[in-house]
Amino acid sequence: MRSKYVLIVGFLMAGLLMTFSDSFAEKEKKMSDALTVIHSRKSVRNFTGQAVSRDLLDKIVRAGMAAPSAVNMQPWSFIVITDRKTLNTLNDGLPFAKMLGKAGAAIIVCAIPEKAYGGLKEFAVIDSTLAGENILLAAEALGLGAVWTAVYPDEDRMNVVRKILGIPGNIIPLNVIPIGYPTGTDKPKNKYKPENVHWEKW
């Protein structure tokens, strides 16, 4: 009877260890995958011209909304563009977004000061920038390419985007992010510089 009890306990312990091992391995894989995406991200300026599905764009926007924000105010809004005519119009009006001509889509991250903590523009811009980074990482994770093209704080560029997309004057178009299928021309860069790390104090 005792040996049978020991055997049962042994099986239970083995099962628990296997579950713990699987759980740990799964967490380790997720950590590895996240770091791989971060270090693989690059500014993609060369696209094939292939359209990007609404499903993928929805996943990317959801990732943007998962970003942190001060007091969880989420002072952002996103404009998703897939219409070729609109992409071309933005391409013509923005000097540093010429890759829009071959991008399959674009996402404009907009900051809304009134929704930010304390109604401060600074918080709106910071929080929306975090959302923009999530968008770039999500595109990379999904096998797409993306690049941040700045609109804010250049008044001329902001006015161009506002006019084309009907954005109200109190909303800040922060950037235009062309998204599409990369040609493979653009490669990630190793940006690690040990001299930029301070341990314990400056």
Protein backbone atom coordinates (compact mmCIF):
# COMPACT_ATOMS: atom_id res chain seq x y z
CA MET A 1 0.00 0.00 0.00
CA ARG A 2 2.85 2.36 0.96
CA SER A 3 4.69 1.70 -2.31
CA LYS A 4 1.49 2.39 -4.25
CA TYR A 5 1.09 5.72 -2.39
CA VAL A 6 4.72 6.65 -3.13
CA LEU A 7 4.19 5.79 -6.79
CA ILE A 8 1.08 8.01 -7.03
CA VAL A 9 2.88 10.91 -5.32
CA GLY A 10 5.80 10.41 -7.67
CA PHE A 11 3.54 10.62 -10.72
CA LEU A 12 1.89 13.76 -9.36
CA MET A 13 5.25 15.41 -8.66
CA ALA A 14 6.51 14.48 -12.11
CA GLY A 15 3.39 16.00 -13.65
CA LEU A 16 3.83 19.21 -11.68
CA LEU A 17 7.49 19.43 -12.68
CA MET A 18 6.60 18.90 -16.34
CA THR A 19 3.90 21.59 -16.14
CA PHE A 20 6.32 24.00 -14.45
CA SER A 21 9.00 23.17 -17.00
CA ASP A 22 6.57 23.73 -19.92
CA SER A 23 5.37 26.99 -18.39
CA PHE A 24 8.94 28.22 -17.88
CA ALA A 25 9.93 27.19 -21.41
CA GLU A 26 6.88 29.00 -22.81
CA LYS A 27 7.74 32.18 -20.89
CA GLU A 28 11.36 31.95 -22.03
CA LYS A 29 10.22 31.54 -25.65
CA LYS A 30 7.93 34.58 -25.40
CA MET A 31 10.78 36.65 -23.92
CA SER A 32 13.08 35.48 -26.71
CA ASP A 33 10.45 36.28 -29.35
CA ALA A 34 9.88 39.79 -27.94
CA LEU A 35 13.61 40.55 -27.90
CA THR A 36 14.00 39.15 -31.42
CA VAL A 37 11.28 41.49 -32.69
CA ILE A 38 12.84 44.48 -30.91
CA HIS A 39 16.30 43.81 -32.33
CA SER A 40 14.96 42.95 -35.80
CA ARG A 41 12.94 46.15 -36.14
CA LYS A 42 14.27 48.52 -38.77
CA SER A 43 13.10 51.57 -40.67
CA VAL A 44 11.67 50.05 -43.84
CA ARG A 45 11.60 52.46 -46.79
CA ASN A 46 11.39 49.94 -49.61
CA PHE A 47 8.05 48.20 -50.11
CA THR A 48 6.72 45.80 -52.74
CA GLY A 49 3.45 47.69 -53.26
CA GLN A 50 1.33 44.76 -52.04
CA ALA A 51 -1.81 45.71 -50.12
CA VAL A 52 -2.02 45.08 -46.37
CA SER A 53 -5.15 43.36 -45.09
CA ARG A 54 -7.57 45.02 -42.70
CA ASP A 55 -7.06 42.11 -40.28
CA LEU A 56 -3.32 42.79 -40.01
CA LEU A 57 -3.87 46.52 -39.67
CA ASP A 58 -6.40 45.90 -36.90
CA LYS A 59 -3.82 43.79 -35.04
CA ILE A 60 -1.28 46.60 -35.41
CA VAL A 61 -3.67 49.27 -34.12
CA ARG A 62 -4.59 47.05 -31.16
CA ALA A 63 -0.89 46.81 -30.33
CA GLY A 64 -0.67 50.60 -30.47
CA MET A 65 -3.52 50.87 -27.97
CA ALA A 66 -1.72 48.47 -25.61
CA ALA A 67 0.95 51.12 -24.95
CA PRO A 68 1.29 52.72 -21.52
CA SER A 69 0.04 56.25 -20.91
CA ALA A 70 0.10 58.66 -17.98
CA VAL A 71 -2.73 57.73 -15.57
CA ASN A 72 -4.00 55.44 -18.36
CA MET A 73 -5.62 58.41 -20.12
CA GLN A 74 -4.84 57.02 -23.62
CA PRO A 75 -4.80 60.44 -25.35
CA TRP A 76 -4.45 59.08 -28.85
CA SER A 77 -6.39 58.26 -31.98
CA PHE A 78 -5.30 56.50 -35.17
CA ILE A 79 -6.15 57.07 -38.80
CA VAL A 80 -5.64 53.96 -40.94
CA ILE A 81 -5.20 54.60 -44.66
CA THR A 82 -5.42 51.91 -47.36
CA ASP A 83 -6.85 53.98 -50.22
CA ARG A 84 -4.20 54.34 -52.92
CA LYS A 85 -5.31 57.84 -53.92
CA THR A 86 -4.99 59.11 -50.33
CA LEU A 87 -1.59 57.43 -49.90
CA ASN A 88 -0.39 59.11 -53.11
CA THR A 89 -1.74 62.51 -52.00
CA LEU A 90 0.14 62.20 -48.69
CA ASN A 91 3.21 61.08 -50.63
CA ASP A 92 3.04 64.21 -52.79
CA GLY A 93 2.55 66.56 -49.83
CA LEU A 94 5.18 65.22 -47.44
CA PRO A 95 8.86 65.61 -48.34
CA PHE A 96 10.14 62.82 -46.09
CA ALA A 97 7.43 60.21 -46.71
CA LYS A 98 8.06 59.32 -50.34
CA MET A 99 7.98 55.61 -49.49
CA LEU A 100 4.18 55.99 -49.27
CA GLY A 101 4.14 55.53 -53.05
CA LYS A 102 4.87 51.81 -52.60
CA ALA A 103 3.48 51.23 -49.10
CA GLY A 104 0.36 49.10 -48.79
CA ALA A 105 -1.08 51.24 -46.01
CA ALA A 106 -0.28 53.97 -43.52
CA ILE A 107 -1.20 54.75 -39.93
CA ILE A 108 -1.27 58.29 -38.63
CA VAL A 109 -0.86 58.50 -34.86
CA CYS A 110 -2.71 61.53 -33.49
CA ALA A 111 -2.22 63.03 -30.03
CA ILE A 112 -5.21 64.58 -28.26
CA PRO A 113 -4.09 67.08 -25.58
CA GLU A 114 -7.58 67.40 -24.06
CA LYS A 115 -7.56 63.68 -23.25
CA ALA A 116 -4.09 63.67 -21.71
CA TYR A 117 -3.30 63.78 -18.00
CA GLY A 118 -3.80 67.37 -16.86
CA GLY A 119 -4.81 68.32 -20.41
CA LEU A 120 -1.11 68.74 -21.17
CA LYS A 121 0.16 68.55 -24.75
CA GLU A 122 3.47 67.14 -23.51
CA PHE A 123 1.79 64.07 -22.01
CA ALA A 124 -0.32 63.58 -25.13
CA VAL A 125 2.78 63.61 -27.34
CA ILE A 126 4.80 61.29 -25.06
CA ASP A 127 1.96 58.79 -24.67
CA SER A 128 1.17 58.77 -28.39
CA THR A 129 4.85 58.27 -29.19
CA LEU A 130 4.80 55.11 -27.07
CA ALA A 131 1.78 53.93 -29.07
CA GLY A 132 3.71 54.66 -32.27
CA GLU A 133 6.62 52.48 -31.14
CA ASN A 134 4.21 49.63 -30.42
CA ILE A 135 2.88 50.01 -33.97
CA LEU A 136 6.40 49.73 -35.41
CA LEU A 137 7.13 46.61 -33.34
CA ALA A 138 3.80 44.99 -34.21
CA ALA A 139 4.44 45.51 -37.93
CA GLU A 140 7.83 43.81 -37.56
CA ALA A 141 6.30 40.92 -35.58
CA LEU A 142 3.73 40.34 -38.34
CA GLY A 143 6.36 40.15 -41.08
CA LEU A 144 5.64 43.65 -42.37
CA GLY A 145 7.83 46.72 -42.56
CA ALA A 146 7.19 50.21 -41.25
CA VAL A 147 8.95 53.52 -40.79
CA TRP A 148 8.27 56.55 -38.57
CA THR A 149 8.04 59.73 -40.65
CA ALA A 150 7.71 62.79 -38.44
CA VAL A 151 4.92 65.32 -38.88
CA TYR A 152 4.98 66.98 -35.44
CA PRO A 153 6.38 69.53 -34.59
CA ASP A 154 6.68 70.91 -38.14
CA GLU A 155 3.67 73.20 -38.66
CA ASP A 156 3.75 72.92 -42.46
CA ARG A 157 3.69 69.12 -42.40
CA MET A 158 1.00 69.05 -39.74
CA ASN A 159 -1.15 71.38 -41.84
CA VAL A 160 -0.70 69.19 -44.93
CA VAL A 161 -1.84 66.07 -43.04
CA ARG A 162 -4.69 67.93 -41.33
CA LYS A 163 -5.97 69.24 -44.65
CA ILE A 164 -5.78 65.90 -46.51
CA LEU A 165 -7.35 63.86 -43.71
CA GLY A 166 -9.76 66.40 -42.22
CA ILE A 167 -8.07 66.44 -38.81
CA PRO A 168 -9.37 69.15 -36.43
CA GLY A 169 -6.99 71.93 -35.42
CA ASN A 170 -6.86 70.83 -31.76
CA ILE A 171 -5.57 67.36 -32.71
CA ILE A 172 -1.83 66.82 -33.25
CA PRO A 173 -0.91 64.53 -36.17
CA LEU A 174 2.27 63.14 -34.68
CA ASN A 175 3.55 61.07 -37.57
CA VAL A 176 2.70 59.16 -40.71
CA ILE A 177 3.80 55.51 -40.55
CA PRO A 178 3.97 53.85 -43.98
CA ILE A 179 3.37 50.09 -43.63
CA GLY A 180 3.77 47.33 -46.17
CA TYR A 181 5.59 44.25 -47.32
CA PRO A 182 9.35 44.90 -47.31
CA THR A 183 11.52 44.15 -50.33
CA GLY A 184 14.28 42.97 -47.98
CA THR A 185 16.58 45.86 -48.85
CA ASP A 186 16.42 47.46 -45.39
CA LYS A 187 18.35 45.77 -42.59
CA PRO A 188 18.35 46.25 -38.79
CA LYS A 189 21.27 48.15 -37.23
CA ASN A 190 23.13 47.34 -34.04
CA LYS A 191 22.61 50.54 -32.06
CA TYR A 192 24.06 49.37 -28.74
CA LYS A 193 26.68 51.80 -27.39
CA PRO A 194 28.11 50.90 -23.97
CA GLU A 195 29.18 54.52 -23.43
CA ASN A 196 25.51 55.48 -23.27
CA VAL A 197 24.89 53.26 -20.23
CA HIS A 198 25.46 54.55 -16.71
CA TRP A 199 25.34 52.07 -13.83
CA GLU A 200 24.13 53.32 -10.47
CA LYS A 201 24.85 57.04 -11.23
CA TRP A 202 25.84 59.33 -14.13
